[in-house]
Amino acid sequence: MRKVVLFMSVSLDGYFEGPDHDIGWHRVDEELHRHLNRAIAPLGGLISGRVTHELMAGFWPTADQDPGASPTVVEFARIWRELPKTVFSRTLTHAEWNTTVLPEVTPAAVAALTAGEGGDLALGGANLAETFLRLGLVDEYRLYVHPVRLGRGRLLFPATPDSTDLTLLETRAFPNGVVLLRYARTPVSSANAAAPE
């Protein structure tokens, strides 16, 4: 069964965007972009909400046609076009670029996606991630922590009454100061499960 993997850049203090949706603090240089290309290329698909999908679709389909595009941009444009994409949206009815639109996030809809063939599925977009997290549908986290403390903006993880145990899979520090923290959701063992009342 395929996993749902949350890919997200965050500030040191846990914000995924600053005021007015600012992400200008992201430090995506050539080395980090090459790493992201290698991490995303073997995936089985991309999952996003409408806003994230439209932002991506507004740039990546033709990004490699820019004469000044770097090799990593050219490579990712091809990767993005070829990967199957699923967009969860109540307002979008159709999307181009190998995209399927689904109206609502449900455990059954996500189970159908993860039961498909191919590699794991990358989840992007904080609004959609919040829904997946609330429903317990994220299997793995790949958080790219950027060396900046924003102090304000929108937090990636909203307050929740429950905790989630995670298992560290990998850490990697990049020369530009970004650190990858990769975690898997720890399965609840029968020994740790609450006894029935």
C-alpha atoms as a PDB file:
ATOM      1  CA  MET A   1       0.000   0.000   0.000  1.00  0.00           C
ATOM      2  CA  ARG A   2       1.255   3.454  -0.890  1.00  0.00           C
ATOM      3  CA  LYS A   3       1.934   6.028   1.807  1.00  0.00           C
ATOM      4  CA  VAL A   4       0.777   9.630   2.010  1.00  0.00           C
ATOM      5  CA  VAL A   5       3.874  11.774   2.585  1.00  0.00           C
ATOM      6  CA  LEU A   6       3.546  15.393   3.711  1.00  0.00           C
ATOM      7  CA  PHE A   7       6.229  17.542   2.028  1.00  0.00           C
ATOM      8  CA  MET A   8       6.430  20.995   3.599  1.00  0.00           C
ATOM      9  CA  SER A   9       8.871  23.841   4.155  1.00  0.00           C
ATOM     10  CA  VAL A  10       8.620  25.451   7.581  1.00  0.00           C
ATOM     11  CA  SER A  11      10.413  28.147   9.532  1.00  0.00           C
ATOM     12  CA  LEU A  12      12.306  27.232  12.681  1.00  0.00           C
ATOM     13  CA  ASP A  13       9.323  28.402  14.730  1.00  0.00           C
ATOM     14  CA  GLY A  14       6.867  26.277  12.771  1.00  0.00           C
ATOM     15  CA  TYR A  15       5.302  28.645  10.228  1.00  0.00           C
ATOM     16  CA  PHE A  16       4.732  27.491   6.664  1.00  0.00           C
ATOM     17  CA  GLU A  17       4.020  31.009   5.446  1.00  0.00           C
ATOM     18  CA  GLY A  18       4.499  34.505   6.723  1.00  0.00           C
ATOM     19  CA  PRO A  19       1.948  37.355   6.679  1.00  0.00           C
ATOM     20  CA  ASP A  20       0.109  37.815   3.356  1.00  0.00           C
ATOM     21  CA  HIS A  21       1.095  34.268   2.297  1.00  0.00           C
ATOM     22  CA  ASP A  22       4.784  35.247   2.112  1.00  0.00           C
ATOM     23  CA  ILE A  23       7.173  32.372   1.320  1.00  0.00           C
ATOM     24  CA  GLY A  24      10.025  34.594   0.159  1.00  0.00           C
ATOM     25  CA  TRP A  25      12.055  33.277   3.102  1.00  0.00           C
ATOM     26  CA  HIS A  26      12.377  29.813   1.495  1.00  0.00           C
ATOM     27  CA  ARG A  27      16.029  29.014   0.737  1.00  0.00           C
ATOM     28  CA  VAL A  28      15.688  26.706  -2.246  1.00  0.00           C
ATOM     29  CA  ASP A  29      19.064  26.786  -3.969  1.00  0.00           C
ATOM     30  CA  GLU A  30      20.300  24.446  -6.714  1.00  0.00           C
ATOM     31  CA  GLU A  31      21.438  21.713  -4.321  1.00  0.00           C
ATOM     32  CA  LEU A  32      18.172  21.628  -2.399  1.00  0.00           C
ATOM     33  CA  HIS A  33      16.193  21.765  -5.646  1.00  0.00           C
ATOM     34  CA  ARG A  34      18.169  18.792  -7.017  1.00  0.00           C
ATOM     35  CA  HIS A  35      17.410  16.889  -3.819  1.00  0.00           C
ATOM     36  CA  LEU A  36      13.700  17.687  -4.118  1.00  0.00           C
ATOM     37  CA  ASN A  37      13.670  16.574  -7.748  1.00  0.00           C
ATOM     38  CA  ARG A  38      15.236  13.243  -6.763  1.00  0.00           C
ATOM     39  CA  ALA A  39      12.761  12.821  -3.890  1.00  0.00           C
ATOM     40  CA  ILE A  40       9.662  13.640  -5.949  1.00  0.00           C
ATOM     41  CA  ALA A  41      10.470  11.980  -9.309  1.00  0.00           C
ATOM     42  CA  PRO A  42       9.899   8.365  -8.130  1.00  0.00           C
ATOM     43  CA  LEU A  43       6.613   9.170  -6.398  1.00  0.00           C
ATOM     44  CA  GLY A  44       3.327   7.807  -7.623  1.00  0.00           C
ATOM     45  CA  GLY A  45       1.521  11.128  -7.603  1.00  0.00           C
ATOM     46  CA  LEU A  46       0.873  14.529  -6.071  1.00  0.00           C
ATOM     47  CA  ILE A  47      -2.073  15.445  -3.835  1.00  0.00           C
ATOM     48  CA  SER A  48      -3.057  19.064  -3.302  1.00  0.00           C
ATOM     49  CA  GLY A  49      -5.938  21.446  -2.839  1.00  0.00           C
ATOM     50  CA  ARG A  50      -7.183  23.863  -5.455  1.00  0.00           C
ATOM     51  CA  VAL A  51      -5.075  26.857  -4.422  1.00  0.00           C
ATOM     52  CA  THR A  52      -1.794  24.934  -4.412  1.00  0.00           C
ATOM     53  CA  HIS A  53      -2.630  23.174  -7.665  1.00  0.00           C
ATOM     54  CA  GLU A  54      -3.499  26.404  -9.450  1.00  0.00           C
ATOM     55  CA  LEU A  55      -0.267  28.031  -8.258  1.00  0.00           C
ATOM     56  CA  MET A  56       1.736  25.078  -9.575  1.00  0.00           C
ATOM     57  CA  ALA A  57      -0.251  24.863 -12.815  1.00  0.00           C
ATOM     58  CA  GLY A  58       0.321  28.572 -13.400  1.00  0.00           C
ATOM     59  CA  PHE A  59       4.083  28.090 -13.620  1.00  0.00           C
ATOM     60  CA  TRP A  60       5.392  24.545 -14.062  1.00  0.00           C
ATOM     61  CA  PRO A  61       3.759  23.407 -17.329  1.00  0.00           C
ATOM     62  CA  THR A  62       5.930  25.801 -19.344  1.00  0.00           C
ATOM     63  CA  ALA A  63       8.750  26.617 -16.896  1.00  0.00           C
ATOM     64  CA  ASP A  64      11.260  24.637 -18.952  1.00  0.00           C
ATOM     65  CA  GLN A  65      10.596  26.821 -22.022  1.00  0.00           C
ATOM     66  CA  ASP A  66      12.241  29.829 -20.376  1.00  0.00           C
ATOM     67  CA  PRO A  67      15.736  30.162 -21.923  1.00  0.00           C
ATOM     68  CA  GLY A  68      17.076  31.234 -18.547  1.00  0.00           C
ATOM     69  CA  ALA A  69      15.642  28.268 -16.640  1.00  0.00           C
ATOM     70  CA  SER A  70      18.173  26.327 -14.583  1.00  0.00           C
ATOM     71  CA  PRO A  71      18.663  22.595 -15.205  1.00  0.00           C
ATOM     72  CA  THR A  72      16.803  21.790 -11.969  1.00  0.00           C
ATOM     73  CA  VAL A  73      13.819  23.896 -13.035  1.00  0.00           C
ATOM     74  CA  VAL A  74      13.782  22.228 -16.461  1.00  0.00           C
ATOM     75  CA  GLU A  75      13.919  18.810 -14.798  1.00  0.00           C
ATOM     76  CA  PHE A  76      11.147  19.562 -12.296  1.00  0.00           C
ATOM     77  CA  ALA A  77       8.855  20.941 -15.000  1.00  0.00           C
ATOM     78  CA  ARG A  78       9.021  17.546 -16.706  1.00  0.00           C
ATOM     79  CA  ILE A  79       8.539  15.705 -13.408  1.00  0.00           C
ATOM     80  CA  TRP A  80       5.505  17.830 -12.510  1.00  0.00           C
ATOM     81  CA  ARG A  81       3.837  17.419 -15.893  1.00  0.00           C
ATOM     82  CA  GLU A  82       4.252  13.643 -15.929  1.00  0.00           C
ATOM     83  CA  LEU A  83       3.203  12.820 -12.371  1.00  0.00           C
ATOM     84  CA  PRO A  84      -0.469  11.992 -11.804  1.00  0.00           C
ATOM     85  CA  LYS A  85      -2.104  14.691  -9.722  1.00  0.00           C
ATOM     86  CA  THR A  86      -5.147  14.566  -7.453  1.00  0.00           C
ATOM     87  CA  VAL A  87      -6.820  17.816  -6.438  1.00  0.00           C
ATOM     88  CA  PHE A  88      -9.391  17.916  -3.669  1.00  0.00           C
ATOM     89  CA  SER A  89     -11.776  20.786  -4.333  1.00  0.00           C
ATOM     90  CA  ARG A  90     -15.469  21.563  -3.942  1.00  0.00           C
ATOM     91  CA  THR A  91     -15.302  24.367  -6.526  1.00  0.00           C
ATOM     92  CA  LEU A  92     -12.993  23.000  -9.233  1.00  0.00           C
ATOM     93  CA  THR A  93     -14.646  20.561 -11.618  1.00  0.00           C
ATOM     94  CA  HIS A  94     -11.860  19.941 -14.123  1.00  0.00           C
ATOM     95  CA  ALA A  95      -8.106  20.441 -14.316  1.00  0.00           C
ATOM     96  CA  GLU A  96      -5.467  19.842 -16.983  1.00  0.00           C
ATOM     97  CA  TRP A  97      -2.024  18.266 -16.730  1.00  0.00           C
ATOM     98  CA  ASN A  98      -2.799  14.674 -15.780  1.00  0.00           C
ATOM     99  CA  THR A  99      -5.078  15.792 -12.937  1.00  0.00           C
ATOM    100  CA  THR A 100      -8.082  14.160 -11.292  1.00  0.00           C
ATOM    101  CA  VAL A 101     -10.431  16.322  -9.217  1.00  0.00           C
ATOM    102  CA  LEU A 102     -12.183  14.855  -6.175  1.00  0.00           C
ATOM    103  CA  PRO A 103     -14.814  16.826  -4.254  1.00  0.00           C
ATOM    104  CA  GLU A 104     -14.046  15.845  -0.667  1.00  0.00           C
ATOM    105  CA  VAL A 105     -11.350  14.305   1.520  1.00  0.00           C
ATOM    106  CA  THR A 106     -12.683  11.114   3.039  1.00  0.00           C
ATOM    107  CA  PRO A 107     -10.829   8.093   4.416  1.00  0.00           C
ATOM    108  CA  ALA A 108     -12.417   6.005   1.656  1.00  0.00           C
ATOM    109  CA  ALA A 109     -11.240   8.359  -1.111  1.00  0.00           C
ATOM    110  CA  VAL A 110      -7.697   8.401   0.262  1.00  0.00           C
ATOM    111  CA  ALA A 111      -7.717   4.618   0.737  1.00  0.00           C
ATOM    112  CA  ALA A 112      -8.592   4.248  -2.940  1.00  0.00           C
ATOM    113  CA  LEU A 113      -5.622   6.454  -3.865  1.00  0.00           C
ATOM    114  CA  THR A 114      -3.143   4.594  -1.649  1.00  0.00           C
ATOM    115  CA  ALA A 115      -4.370   1.236  -2.959  1.00  0.00           C
ATOM    116  CA  GLY A 116      -3.253   2.178  -6.475  1.00  0.00           C
ATOM    117  CA  GLU A 117      -0.094   1.128  -8.255  1.00  0.00           C
ATOM    118  CA  GLY A 118       3.193   3.001  -8.093  1.00  0.00           C
ATOM    119  CA  GLY A 119       5.162   4.975  -5.563  1.00  0.00           C
ATOM    120  CA  ASP A 120       4.058   6.946  -2.527  1.00  0.00           C
ATOM    121  CA  LEU A 121       1.939  10.088  -2.794  1.00  0.00           C
ATOM    122  CA  ALA A 122       3.197  13.579  -1.918  1.00  0.00           C
ATOM    123  CA  LEU A 123       0.765  15.784  -0.018  1.00  0.00           C
ATOM    124  CA  GLY A 124       1.187  19.542  -0.383  1.00  0.00           C
ATOM    125  CA  GLY A 125      -0.725  22.617   0.701  1.00  0.00           C
ATOM    126  CA  ALA A 126      -1.353  23.489   4.324  1.00  0.00           C
ATOM    127  CA  ASN A 127      -5.155  23.724   4.138  1.00  0.00           C
ATOM    128  CA  LEU A 128      -5.388  20.225   2.730  1.00  0.00           C
ATOM    129  CA  ALA A 129      -2.660  18.960   5.062  1.00  0.00           C
ATOM    130  CA  GLU A 130      -4.699  20.171   8.038  1.00  0.00           C
ATOM    131  CA  THR A 131      -7.633  18.039   6.887  1.00  0.00           C
ATOM    132  CA  PHE A 132      -5.438  14.981   6.283  1.00  0.00           C
ATOM    133  CA  LEU A 133      -3.812  15.405   9.700  1.00  0.00           C
ATOM    134  CA  ARG A 134      -7.162  15.758  11.450  1.00  0.00           C
ATOM    135  CA  LEU A 135      -8.367  12.531   9.812  1.00  0.00           C
ATOM    136  CA  GLY A 136      -5.127  10.667  10.589  1.00  0.00           C
ATOM    137  CA  LEU A 137      -4.281  10.182   6.903  1.00  0.00           C
ATOM    138  CA  VAL A 138      -0.612  11.271   6.891  1.00  0.00           C
ATOM    139  CA  ASP A 139       1.838   8.360   7.052  1.00  0.00           C
ATOM    140  CA  GLU A 140       5.136  10.216   6.737  1.00  0.00           C
ATOM    141  CA  TYR A 141       6.427  13.761   7.247  1.00  0.00           C
ATOM    142  CA  ARG A 142       9.248  15.373   5.262  1.00  0.00           C
ATOM    143  CA  LEU A 143       9.727  18.760   6.839  1.00  0.00           C
ATOM    144  CA  TYR A 144      12.325  21.117   5.409  1.00  0.00           C
ATOM    145  CA  VAL A 145      13.184  23.497   8.251  1.00  0.00           C
ATOM    146  CA  HIS A 146      14.543  26.802   6.936  1.00  0.00           C
ATOM    147  CA  PRO A 147      16.956  28.855   9.058  1.00  0.00           C
ATOM    148  CA  VAL A 148      14.613  31.711   9.839  1.00  0.00           C
ATOM    149  CA  ARG A 149      12.377  32.606  12.776  1.00  0.00           C
ATOM    150  CA  LEU A 150       9.325  34.362  11.359  1.00  0.00           C
ATOM    151  CA  GLY A 151       7.500  35.168  14.575  1.00  0.00           C
ATOM    152  CA  ARG A 152       4.164  35.473  12.805  1.00  0.00           C
ATOM    153  CA  GLY A 153       2.230  34.011   9.936  1.00  0.00           C
ATOM    154  CA  ARG A 154       0.402  30.720   9.694  1.00  0.00           C
ATOM    155  CA  LEU A 155       1.529  27.722  11.692  1.00  0.00           C
ATOM    156  CA  LEU A 156       1.811  24.398   9.908  1.00  0.00           C
ATOM    157  CA  PHE A 157       0.372  22.377  12.778  1.00  0.00           C
ATOM    158  CA  PRO A 158      -2.731  23.835  14.430  1.00  0.00           C
ATOM    159  CA  ALA A 159      -3.569  23.071  18.039  1.00  0.00           C
ATOM    160  CA  THR A 160      -5.030  19.608  18.551  1.00  0.00           C
ATOM    161  CA  PRO A 161      -6.303  17.737  21.598  1.00  0.00           C
ATOM    162  CA  ASP A 162      -4.348  14.594  20.705  1.00  0.00           C
ATOM    163  CA  SER A 163      -0.676  13.837  20.229  1.00  0.00           C
ATOM    164  CA  THR A 164       0.848  11.678  17.483  1.00  0.00           C
ATOM    165  CA  ASP A 165       3.938   9.564  18.105  1.00  0.00           C
ATOM    166  CA  LEU A 166       6.528   9.688  15.327  1.00  0.00           C
ATOM    167  CA  THR A 167       9.612   7.667  14.437  1.00  0.00           C
ATOM    168  CA  LEU A 168      12.657   9.480  13.066  1.00  0.00           C
ATOM    169  CA  LEU A 169      13.682   8.067   9.669  1.00  0.00           C
ATOM    170  CA  GLU A 170      16.267  10.556   8.436  1.00  0.00           C
ATOM    171  CA  THR A 171      17.903  13.909   9.031  1.00  0.00           C
ATOM    172  CA  ARG A 172      19.960  15.854   6.546  1.00  0.00           C
ATOM    173  CA  ALA A 173      21.562  19.276   6.766  1.00  0.00           C
ATOM    174  CA  PHE A 174      22.057  21.221   3.536  1.00  0.00           C
ATOM    175  CA  PRO A 175      24.860  23.780   3.077  1.00  0.00           C
ATOM    176  CA  ASN A 176      22.326  26.619   2.848  1.00  0.00           C
ATOM    177  CA  GLY A 177      21.162  25.905   6.416  1.00  0.00           C
ATOM    178  CA  VAL A 178      17.962  24.012   5.588  1.00  0.00           C
ATOM    179  CA  VAL A 179      17.509  20.801   7.562  1.00  0.00           C
ATOM    180  CA  LEU A 180      15.351  17.871   6.455  1.00  0.00           C
ATOM    181  CA  LEU A 181      13.503  16.099   9.266  1.00  0.00           C
ATOM    182  CA  ARG A 182      11.819  12.926   8.050  1.00  0.00           C
ATOM    183  CA  TYR A 183       9.423  11.066  10.337  1.00  0.00           C
ATOM    184  CA  ALA A 184       6.963   8.209  10.039  1.00  0.00           C
ATOM    185  CA  ARG A 185       3.810   7.916  12.071  1.00  0.00           C
ATOM    186  CA  THR A 186       4.513   5.306  14.746  1.00  0.00           C
ATOM    187  CA  PRO A 187       2.020   2.428  14.550  1.00  0.00           C
ATOM    188  CA  VAL A 188       0.042   1.862  17.718  1.00  0.00           C
ATOM    189  CA  SER A 189       1.138  -1.487  19.101  1.00  0.00           C
ATOM    190  CA  SER A 190      -1.247  -3.737  20.954  1.00  0.00           C
ATOM    191  CA  ALA A 191       0.840  -3.193  24.082  1.00  0.00           C
ATOM    192  CA  ASN A 192       0.370   0.580  23.873  1.00  0.00           C
ATOM    193  CA  ALA A 193      -3.255   0.539  22.814  1.00  0.00           C
ATOM    194  CA  ALA A 194      -5.743   1.597  25.410  1.00  0.00           C
ATOM    195  CA  ALA A 195      -7.551  -1.278  27.085  1.00  0.00           C
ATOM    196  CA  PRO A 196     -11.295  -1.405  26.428  1.00  0.00           C
ATOM    197  CA  GLU A 197     -13.433  -0.065  29.241  1.00  0.00           C
END
